[in-house]
Amino acid sequence: MGRGIEIDLRFRVLDLRMANMQEYFHQHPLVLAIIIALIIWSAVWKALALWKAAQKGDKLWFVVLFLLNTAGLLEIFYIFAFSKREEEHHNIS
């Protein structure tokens, strides 16, 4: 099989998968709404956690929070646990 035919077949498979996804989301709009809500939820918490890490100068946390996608869980944990613990440690010193 030639290289051009192989690439063409891959694009056809991708087109078929996209058509199946579109059909699925058309039949199940609640699933699409949940995915969109999860994306927004995650983006908001990621932005807040990255802003807080940048303000505190936590370079390692900033990189970890930037690279890992945890649907907001790690970000919430950082905001309410780790950043508070570090503030208390600095206040004691």
PDB file of N, CA and C in Angstrom:
ATOM      1  N   MET A   1       0.852  -1.180   0.000  1.00  0.00           N
ATOM      2  CA  MET A   1       0.000   0.000   0.000  1.00  0.00           C
ATOM      3  C   MET A   1       0.896   1.240   0.000  1.00  0.00           C
ATOM      4  N   GLY A   2       0.585   2.167  -0.870  1.00  0.00           N
ATOM      5  CA  GLY A   2       1.378   3.382  -0.957  1.00  0.00           C
ATOM      6  C   GLY A   2       1.141   4.306   0.230  1.00  0.00           C
ATOM      7  N   ARG A   3       2.095   5.171   0.452  1.00  0.00           N
ATOM      8  CA  ARG A   3       2.022   6.109   1.584  1.00  0.00           C
ATOM      9  C   ARG A   3       0.811   7.037   1.481  1.00  0.00           C
ATOM     10  N   GLY A   4       0.513   7.490   0.261  1.00  0.00           N
ATOM     11  CA  GLY A   4      -0.627   8.388   0.065  1.00  0.00           C
ATOM     12  C   GLY A   4      -1.950   7.715   0.373  1.00  0.00           C
ATOM     13  N   ILE A   5      -2.075   6.460   0.003  1.00  0.00           N
ATOM     14  CA  ILE A   5      -3.308   5.715   0.279  1.00  0.00           C
ATOM     15  C   ILE A   5      -3.466   5.492   1.779  1.00  0.00           C
ATOM     16  N   GLU A   6      -2.342   5.203   2.455  1.00  0.00           N
ATOM     17  CA  GLU A   6      -2.374   4.985   3.912  1.00  0.00           C
ATOM     18  C   GLU A   6      -2.830   6.248   4.643  1.00  0.00           C
ATOM     19  N   ILE A   7      -2.315   7.384   4.248  1.00  0.00           N
ATOM     20  CA  ILE A   7      -2.708   8.651   4.880  1.00  0.00           C
ATOM     21  C   ILE A   7      -4.176   8.946   4.591  1.00  0.00           C
ATOM     22  N   ASP A   8      -4.614   8.694   3.353  1.00  0.00           N
ATOM     23  CA  ASP A   8      -6.014   8.913   2.984  1.00  0.00           C
ATOM     24  C   ASP A   8      -6.944   8.040   3.822  1.00  0.00           C
ATOM     25  N   LEU A   9      -6.558   6.786   4.049  1.00  0.00           N
ATOM     26  CA  LEU A   9      -7.378   5.891   4.870  1.00  0.00           C
ATOM     27  C   LEU A   9      -7.451   6.380   6.312  1.00  0.00           C
ATOM     28  N   ARG A  10      -6.344   6.893   6.820  1.00  0.00           N
ATOM     29  CA  ARG A  10      -6.347   7.421   8.191  1.00  0.00           C
ATOM     30  C   ARG A  10      -7.300   8.602   8.323  1.00  0.00           C
ATOM     31  N   PHE A  11      -7.292   9.490   7.335  1.00  0.00           N
ATOM     32  CA  PHE A  11      -8.211  10.632   7.380  1.00  0.00           C
ATOM     33  C   PHE A  11      -9.659  10.179   7.270  1.00  0.00           C
ATOM     34  N   ARG A  12      -9.925   9.150   6.474  1.00  0.00           N
ATOM     35  CA  ARG A  12     -11.287   8.638   6.359  1.00  0.00           C
ATOM     36  C   ARG A  12     -11.755   8.030   7.678  1.00  0.00           C
ATOM     37  N   VAL A  13     -10.862   7.315   8.360  1.00  0.00           N
ATOM     38  CA  VAL A  13     -11.203   6.752   9.667  1.00  0.00           C
ATOM     39  C   VAL A  13     -11.468   7.880  10.648  1.00  0.00           C
ATOM     40  N   LEU A  14     -10.640   8.922  10.632  1.00  0.00           N
ATOM     41  CA  LEU A  14     -10.842  10.073  11.516  1.00  0.00           C
ATOM     42  C   LEU A  14     -12.167  10.762  11.220  1.00  0.00           C
ATOM     43  N   ASP A  15     -12.499  10.940   9.942  1.00  0.00           N
ATOM     44  CA  ASP A  15     -13.787  11.542   9.574  1.00  0.00           C
ATOM     45  C   ASP A  15     -14.947  10.702  10.088  1.00  0.00           C
ATOM     46  N   LEU A  16     -14.842   9.389   9.991  1.00  0.00           N
ATOM     47  CA  LEU A  16     -15.889   8.491  10.471  1.00  0.00           C
ATOM     48  C   LEU A  16     -16.044   8.606  11.984  1.00  0.00           C
ATOM     49  N   ARG A  17     -14.928   8.674  12.694  1.00  0.00           N
ATOM     50  CA  ARG A  17     -14.990   8.814  14.156  1.00  0.00           C
ATOM     51  C   ARG A  17     -15.630  10.141  14.547  1.00  0.00           C
ATOM     52  N   MET A  18     -15.270  11.210  13.855  1.00  0.00           N
ATOM     53  CA  MET A  18     -15.863  12.518  14.152  1.00  0.00           C
ATOM     54  C   MET A  18     -17.364  12.502  13.877  1.00  0.00           C
ATOM     55  N   ALA A  19     -17.773  11.860  12.796  1.00  0.00           N
ATOM     56  CA  ALA A  19     -19.204  11.768  12.476  1.00  0.00           C
ATOM     57  C   ALA A  19     -19.930  10.979  13.549  1.00  0.00           C
ATOM     58  N   ASN A  20     -19.313   9.911  14.039  1.00  0.00           N
ATOM     59  CA  ASN A  20     -19.930   9.121  15.101  1.00  0.00           C
ATOM     60  C   ASN A  20     -20.044   9.940  16.389  1.00  0.00           C
ATOM     61  N   MET A  21     -19.014  10.736  16.704  1.00  0.00           N
ATOM     62  CA  MET A  21     -19.069  11.578  17.905  1.00  0.00           C
ATOM     63  C   MET A  21     -20.172  12.622  17.779  1.00  0.00           C
ATOM     64  N   GLN A  22     -20.257  13.250  16.621  1.00  0.00           N
ATOM     65  CA  GLN A  22     -21.287  14.263  16.411  1.00  0.00           C
ATOM     66  C   GLN A  22     -22.679  13.653  16.543  1.00  0.00           C
ATOM     67  N   GLU A  23     -22.856  12.477  15.979  1.00  0.00           N
ATOM     68  CA  GLU A  23     -24.141  11.802  16.081  1.00  0.00           C
ATOM     69  C   GLU A  23     -24.446  11.441  17.534  1.00  0.00           C
ATOM     70  N   TYR A  24     -23.431  10.958  18.263  1.00  0.00           N
ATOM     71  CA  TYR A  24     -23.628  10.593  19.668  1.00  0.00           C
ATOM     72  C   TYR A  24     -24.033  11.805  20.495  1.00  0.00           C
ATOM     73  N   PHE A  25     -23.306  12.912  20.325  1.00  0.00           N
ATOM     74  CA  PHE A  25     -23.638  14.113  21.101  1.00  0.00           C
ATOM     75  C   PHE A  25     -24.982  14.700  20.694  1.00  0.00           C
ATOM     76  N   HIS A  26     -25.359  14.522  19.450  1.00  0.00           N
ATOM     77  CA  HIS A  26     -26.671  14.983  19.009  1.00  0.00           C
ATOM     78  C   HIS A  26     -27.775  14.166  19.696  1.00  0.00           C
ATOM     79  N   GLN A  27     -27.528  12.878  19.881  1.00  0.00           N
ATOM     80  CA  GLN A  27     -28.513  12.011  20.520  1.00  0.00           C
ATOM     81  C   GLN A  27     -28.475  12.118  22.038  1.00  0.00           C
ATOM     82  N   HIS A  28     -27.337  12.539  22.602  1.00  0.00           N
ATOM     83  CA  HIS A  28     -27.171  12.625  24.052  1.00  0.00           C
ATOM     84  C   HIS A  28     -26.637  14.013  24.431  1.00  0.00           C
ATOM     85  N   PRO A  29     -27.462  15.041  24.354  1.00  0.00           N
ATOM     86  CA  PRO A  29     -26.973  16.396  24.633  1.00  0.00           C
ATOM     87  C   PRO A  29     -26.531  16.594  26.081  1.00  0.00           C
ATOM     88  N   LEU A  30     -27.056  15.799  27.008  1.00  0.00           N
ATOM     89  CA  LEU A  30     -26.654  15.935  28.405  1.00  0.00           C
ATOM     90  C   LEU A  30     -25.175  15.592  28.584  1.00  0.00           C
ATOM     91  N   VAL A  31     -24.703  14.598  27.857  1.00  0.00           N
ATOM     92  CA  VAL A  31     -23.289  14.223  27.933  1.00  0.00           C
ATOM     93  C   VAL A  31     -22.417  15.379  27.462  1.00  0.00           C
ATOM     94  N   LEU A  32     -22.795  16.002  26.369  1.00  0.00           N
ATOM     95  CA  LEU A  32     -22.049  17.156  25.858  1.00  0.00           C
ATOM     96  C   LEU A  32     -22.075  18.298  26.867  1.00  0.00           C
ATOM     97  N   ALA A  33     -23.217  18.552  27.484  1.00  0.00           N
ATOM     98  CA  ALA A  33     -23.325  19.614  28.482  1.00  0.00           C
ATOM     99  C   ALA A  33     -22.427  19.328  29.688  1.00  0.00           C
ATOM    100  N   ILE A  34     -22.358  18.070  30.105  1.00  0.00           N
ATOM    101  CA  ILE A  34     -21.507  17.704  31.241  1.00  0.00           C
ATOM    102  C   ILE A  34     -20.030  17.897  30.887  1.00  0.00           C
ATOM    103  N   ILE A  35     -19.644  17.516  29.681  1.00  0.00           N
ATOM    104  CA  ILE A  35     -18.257  17.699  29.252  1.00  0.00           C
ATOM    105  C   ILE A  35     -17.899  19.178  29.205  1.00  0.00           C
ATOM    106  N   ILE A  36     -18.778  19.997  28.662  1.00  0.00           N
ATOM    107  CA  ILE A  36     -18.524  21.441  28.596  1.00  0.00           C
ATOM    108  C   ILE A  36     -18.437  22.033  30.002  1.00  0.00           C
ATOM    109  N   ALA A  37     -19.334  21.625  30.890  1.00  0.00           N
ATOM    110  CA  ALA A  37     -19.300  22.119  32.271  1.00  0.00           C
ATOM    111  C   ALA A  37     -17.996  21.707  32.961  1.00  0.00           C
ATOM    112  N   LEU A  38     -17.541  20.492  32.725  1.00  0.00           N
ATOM    113  CA  LEU A  38     -16.290  20.019  33.314  1.00  0.00           C
ATOM    114  C   LEU A  38     -15.093  20.803  32.790  1.00  0.00           C
ATOM    115  N   ILE A  39     -15.102  21.131  31.526  1.00  0.00           N
ATOM    116  CA  ILE A  39     -14.025  21.930  30.939  1.00  0.00           C
ATOM    117  C   ILE A  39     -13.994  23.323  31.572  1.00  0.00           C
ATOM    118  N   ILE A  40     -15.151  23.939  31.720  1.00  0.00           N
ATOM    119  CA  ILE A  40     -15.221  25.278  32.328  1.00  0.00           C
ATOM    120  C   ILE A  40     -14.793  25.214  33.791  1.00  0.00           C
ATOM    121  N   TRP A  41     -15.315  24.226  34.533  1.00  0.00           N
ATOM    122  CA  TRP A  41     -14.956  24.024  35.943  1.00  0.00           C
ATOM    123  C   TRP A  41     -13.448  23.910  36.095  1.00  0.00           C
ATOM    124  N   SER A  42     -12.840  23.064  35.291  1.00  0.00           N
ATOM    125  CA  SER A  42     -11.407  22.822  35.364  1.00  0.00           C
ATOM    126  C   SER A  42     -10.618  24.078  35.016  1.00  0.00           C
ATOM    127  N   ALA A  43     -11.048  24.800  33.992  1.00  0.00           N
ATOM    128  CA  ALA A  43     -10.340  26.004  33.564  1.00  0.00           C
ATOM    129  C   ALA A  43     -10.375  27.087  34.629  1.00  0.00           C
ATOM    130  N   VAL A  44     -11.509  27.246  35.289  1.00  0.00           N
ATOM    131  CA  VAL A  44     -11.630  28.265  36.339  1.00  0.00           C
ATOM    132  C   VAL A  44     -10.698  27.944  37.507  1.00  0.00           C
ATOM    133  N   TRP A  45     -10.733  26.697  37.983  1.00  0.00           N
ATOM    134  CA  TRP A  45      -9.871  26.327  39.113  1.00  0.00           C
ATOM    135  C   TRP A  45      -8.396  26.373  38.734  1.00  0.00           C
ATOM    136  N   LYS A  46      -8.076  25.976  37.507  1.00  0.00           N
ATOM    137  CA  LYS A  46      -6.686  26.027  37.048  1.00  0.00           C
ATOM    138  C   LYS A  46      -6.199  27.471  37.021  1.00  0.00           C
ATOM    139  N   ALA A  47      -7.019  28.372  36.511  1.00  0.00           N
ATOM    140  CA  ALA A  47      -6.632  29.783  36.455  1.00  0.00           C
ATOM    141  C   ALA A  47      -6.408  30.346  37.859  1.00  0.00           C
ATOM    142  N   LEU A  48      -7.309  30.038  38.786  1.00  0.00           N
ATOM    143  CA  LEU A  48      -7.154  30.530  40.154  1.00  0.00           C
ATOM    144  C   LEU A  48      -5.898  29.976  40.822  1.00  0.00           C
ATOM    145  N   ALA A  49      -5.657  28.681  40.651  1.00  0.00           N
ATOM    146  CA  ALA A  49      -4.486  28.061  41.272  1.00  0.00           C
ATOM    147  C   ALA A  49      -3.193  28.578  40.645  1.00  0.00           C
ATOM    148  N   LEU A  50      -3.170  28.730  39.324  1.00  0.00           N
ATOM    149  CA  LEU A  50      -1.971  29.262  38.675  1.00  0.00           C
ATOM    150  C   LEU A  50      -1.706  30.698  39.107  1.00  0.00           C
ATOM    151  N   TRP A  51      -2.751  31.486  39.220  1.00  0.00           N
ATOM    152  CA  TRP A  51      -2.584  32.871  39.671  1.00  0.00           C
ATOM    153  C   TRP A  51      -2.018  32.907  41.080  1.00  0.00           C
ATOM    154  N   LYS A  52      -2.570  32.073  41.979  1.00  0.00           N
ATOM    155  CA  LYS A  52      -2.102  32.043  43.367  1.00  0.00           C
ATOM    156  C   LYS A  52      -0.647  31.565  43.435  1.00  0.00           C
ATOM    157  N   ALA A  53      -0.309  30.520  42.671  1.00  0.00           N
ATOM    158  CA  ALA A  53       1.068  30.012  42.665  1.00  0.00           C
ATOM    159  C   ALA A  53       2.032  31.071  42.137  1.00  0.00           C
ATOM    160  N   ALA A  54       1.620  31.804  41.110  1.00  0.00           N
ATOM    161  CA  ALA A  54       2.470  32.862  40.563  1.00  0.00           C
ATOM    162  C   ALA A  54       2.657  33.989  41.570  1.00  0.00           C
ATOM    163  N   GLN A  55       1.583  34.374  42.258  1.00  0.00           N
ATOM    164  CA  GLN A  55       1.667  35.432  43.257  1.00  0.00           C
ATOM    165  C   GLN A  55       2.599  35.059  44.408  1.00  0.00           C
ATOM    166  N   LYS A  56       2.600  33.779  44.777  1.00  0.00           N
ATOM    167  CA  LYS A  56       3.427  33.311  45.881  1.00  0.00           C
ATOM    168  C   LYS A  56       4.837  32.947  45.437  1.00  0.00           C
ATOM    169  N   GLY A  57       5.080  32.915  44.140  1.00  0.00           N
ATOM    170  CA  GLY A  57       6.393  32.555  43.625  1.00  0.00           C
ATOM    171  C   GLY A  57       6.689  31.066  43.692  1.00  0.00           C
ATOM    172  N   ASP A  58       5.648  30.239  43.737  1.00  0.00           N
ATOM    173  CA  ASP A  58       5.820  28.786  43.777  1.00  0.00           C
ATOM    174  C   ASP A  58       6.018  28.260  42.362  1.00  0.00           C
ATOM    175  N   LYS A  59       7.264  28.285  41.899  1.00  0.00           N
ATOM    176  CA  LYS A  59       7.546  27.886  40.515  1.00  0.00           C
ATOM    177  C   LYS A  59       7.243  26.406  40.277  1.00  0.00           C
ATOM    178  N   LEU A  60       7.612  25.543  41.201  1.00  0.00           N
ATOM    179  CA  LEU A  60       7.363  24.117  41.025  1.00  0.00           C
ATOM    180  C   LEU A  60       5.863  23.834  40.958  1.00  0.00           C
ATOM    181  N   TRP A  61       5.101  24.419  41.884  1.00  0.00           N
ATOM    182  CA  TRP A  61       3.649  24.222  41.863  1.00  0.00           C
ATOM    183  C   TRP A  61       3.047  24.777  40.580  1.00  0.00           C
ATOM    184  N   PHE A  62       3.561  25.919  40.121  1.00  0.00           N
ATOM    185  CA  PHE A  62       3.040  26.514  38.893  1.00  0.00           C
ATOM    186  C   PHE A  62       3.205  25.546  37.726  1.00  0.00           C
ATOM    187  N   VAL A  63       4.383  24.957  37.585  1.00  0.00           N
ATOM    188  CA  VAL A  63       4.645  24.023  36.488  1.00  0.00           C
ATOM    189  C   VAL A  63       3.774  22.778  36.626  1.00  0.00           C
ATOM    190  N   VAL A  64       3.675  22.229  37.833  1.00  0.00           N
ATOM    191  CA  VAL A  64       2.862  21.032  38.050  1.00  0.00           C
ATOM    192  C   VAL A  64       1.403  21.311  37.734  1.00  0.00           C
ATOM    193  N   LEU A  65       0.884  22.411  38.234  1.00  0.00           N
ATOM    194  CA  LEU A  65      -0.513  22.760  37.980  1.00  0.00           C
ATOM    195  C   LEU A  65      -0.766  23.043  36.503  1.00  0.00           C
ATOM    196  N   PHE A  66       0.219  23.619  35.841  1.00  0.00           N
ATOM    197  CA  PHE A  66       0.080  23.934  34.419  1.00  0.00           C
ATOM    198  C   PHE A  66       0.061  22.669  33.566  1.00  0.00           C
ATOM    199  N   LEU A  67       0.890  21.697  33.902  1.00  0.00           N
ATOM    200  CA  LEU A  67       1.044  20.509  33.067  1.00  0.00           C
ATOM    201  C   LEU A  67       0.006  19.424  33.332  1.00  0.00           C
ATOM    202  N   LEU A  68      -0.459  19.288  34.568  1.00  0.00           N
ATOM    203  CA  LEU A  68      -1.386  18.209  34.897  1.00  0.00           C
ATOM    204  C   LEU A  68      -2.831  18.680  34.799  1.00  0.00           C
ATOM    205  N   ASN A  69      -3.659  17.873  34.169  1.00  0.00           N
ATOM    206  CA  ASN A  69      -5.091  18.150  34.097  1.00  0.00           C
ATOM    207  C   ASN A  69      -5.811  17.170  35.016  1.00  0.00           C
ATOM    208  N   THR A  70      -6.328  17.681  36.120  1.00  0.00           N
ATOM    209  CA  THR A  70      -6.971  16.824  37.114  1.00  0.00           C
ATOM    210  C   THR A  70      -8.409  17.250  37.384  1.00  0.00           C
ATOM    211  N   ALA A  71      -9.043  17.892  36.427  1.00  0.00           N
ATOM    212  CA  ALA A  71     -10.434  18.339  36.549  1.00  0.00           C
ATOM    213  C   ALA A  71     -10.631  19.240  37.761  1.00  0.00           C
ATOM    214  N   GLY A  72      -9.622  20.000  38.099  1.00  0.00           N
ATOM    215  CA  GLY A  72      -9.741  20.960  39.196  1.00  0.00           C
ATOM    216  C   GLY A  72      -9.398  20.421  40.561  1.00  0.00           C
ATOM    217  N   LEU A  73      -9.198  19.121  40.715  1.00  0.00           N
ATOM    218  CA  LEU A  73      -8.973  18.546  42.038  1.00  0.00           C
ATOM    219  C   LEU A  73      -7.636  18.977  42.636  1.00  0.00           C
ATOM    220  N   LEU A  74      -6.555  18.847  41.884  1.00  0.00           N
ATOM    221  CA  LEU A  74      -5.252  19.255  42.393  1.00  0.00           C
ATOM    222  C   LEU A  74      -5.220  20.763  42.631  1.00  0.00           C
ATOM    223  N   GLU A  75      -5.875  21.507  41.766  1.00  0.00           N
ATOM    224  CA  GLU A  75      -5.913  22.963  41.911  1.00  0.00           C
ATOM    225  C   GLU A  75      -6.632  23.374  43.191  1.00  0.00           C
ATOM    226  N   ILE A  76      -7.772  22.750  43.464  1.00  0.00           N
ATOM    227  CA  ILE A  76      -8.521  23.045  44.692  1.00  0.00           C
ATOM    228  C   ILE A  76      -7.687  22.666  45.913  1.00  0.00           C
ATOM    229  N   PHE A  77      -7.046  21.515  45.840  1.00  0.00           N
ATOM    230  CA  PHE A  77      -6.203  21.061  46.949  1.00  0.00           C
ATOM    231  C   PHE A  77      -5.061  22.041  47.193  1.00  0.00           C
ATOM    232  N   TYR A  78      -4.436  22.530  46.119  1.00  0.00           N
ATOM    233  CA  TYR A  78      -3.360  23.512  46.276  1.00  0.00           C
ATOM    234  C   TYR A  78      -3.874  24.796  46.923  1.00  0.00           C
ATOM    235  N   ILE A  79      -4.988  25.306  46.419  1.00  0.00           N
ATOM    236  CA  ILE A  79      -5.507  26.585  46.913  1.00  0.00           C
ATOM    237  C   ILE A  79      -5.860  26.501  48.393  1.00  0.00           C
ATOM    238  N   PHE A  80      -6.537  25.429  48.802  1.00  0.00           N
ATOM    239  CA  PHE A  80      -7.058  25.362  50.166  1.00  0.00           C
ATOM    240  C   PHE A  80      -6.160  24.621  51.150  1.00  0.00           C
ATOM    241  N   ALA A  81      -5.138  23.915  50.686  1.00  0.00           N
ATOM    242  CA  ALA A  81      -4.292  23.161  51.616  1.00  0.00           C
ATOM    243  C   ALA A  81      -2.840  23.612  51.543  1.00  0.00           C
ATOM    244  N   PHE A  82      -2.199  23.396  50.408  1.00  0.00           N
ATOM    245  CA  PHE A  82      -0.760  23.654  50.334  1.00  0.00           C
ATOM    246  C   PHE A  82      -0.420  25.127  50.441  1.00  0.00           C
ATOM    247  N   SER A  83      -1.140  26.003  49.787  1.00  0.00           N
ATOM    248  CA  SER A  83      -0.787  27.423  49.850  1.00  0.00           C
ATOM    249  C   SER A  83      -1.041  27.975  51.246  1.00  0.00           C
ATOM    250  N   LYS A  84      -2.054  27.477  51.943  1.00  0.00           N
ATOM    251  CA  LYS A  84      -2.320  27.926  53.315  1.00  0.00           C
ATOM    252  C   LYS A  84      -1.219  27.443  54.253  1.00  0.00           C
ATOM    253  N   ARG A  85      -0.789  26.185  54.064  1.00  0.00           N
ATOM    254  CA  ARG A  85       0.245  25.618  54.918  1.00  0.00           C
ATOM    255  C   ARG A  85       1.548  26.405  54.771  1.00  0.00           C
ATOM    256  N   GLU A  86       1.898  26.796  53.540  1.00  0.00           N
ATOM    257  CA  GLU A  86       3.117  27.551  53.319  1.00  0.00           C
ATOM    258  C   GLU A  86       3.003  28.953  53.925  1.00  0.00           C
ATOM    259  N   GLU A  87       1.799  29.573  53.872  1.00  0.00           N
ATOM    260  CA  GLU A  87       1.608  30.885  54.489  1.00  0.00           C
ATOM    261  C   GLU A  87       1.800  30.800  56.000  1.00  0.00           C
ATOM    262  N   GLU A  88       1.267  29.756  56.640  1.00  0.00           N
ATOM    263  CA  GLU A  88       1.422  29.581  58.070  1.00  0.00           C
ATOM    264  C   GLU A  88       2.878  29.366  58.435  1.00  0.00           C
ATOM    265  N   HIS A  89       3.616  28.637  57.595  1.00  0.00           N
ATOM    266  CA  HIS A  89       5.037  28.371  57.844  1.00  0.00           C
ATOM    267  C   HIS A  89       5.826  29.676  57.775  1.00  0.00           C
ATOM    268  N   HIS A  90       5.508  30.555  56.814  1.00  0.00           N
ATOM    269  CA  HIS A  90       6.210  31.833  56.688  1.00  0.00           C
ATOM    270  C   HIS A  90       5.853  32.773  57.836  1.00  0.00           C
ATOM    271  N   ASN A  91       4.617  32.711  58.341  1.00  0.00           N
ATOM    272  CA  ASN A  91       4.203  33.566  59.438  1.00  0.00           C
ATOM    273  C   ASN A  91       4.889  33.178  60.745  1.00  0.00           C
ATOM    274  N   ILE A  92       5.189  31.893  60.926  1.00  0.00           N
ATOM    275  CA  ILE A  92       5.849  31.431  62.144  1.00  0.00           C
ATOM    276  C   ILE A  92       7.296  31.875  62.168  1.00  0.00           C
ATOM    277  N   SER A  93       7.964  31.872  61.025  1.00  0.00           N
ATOM    278  CA  SER A  93       9.391  32.216  60.944  1.00  0.00           C
ATOM    279  C   SER A  93       9.645  33.644  61.259  1.00  0.00           C
TER     280      SER A  93
END
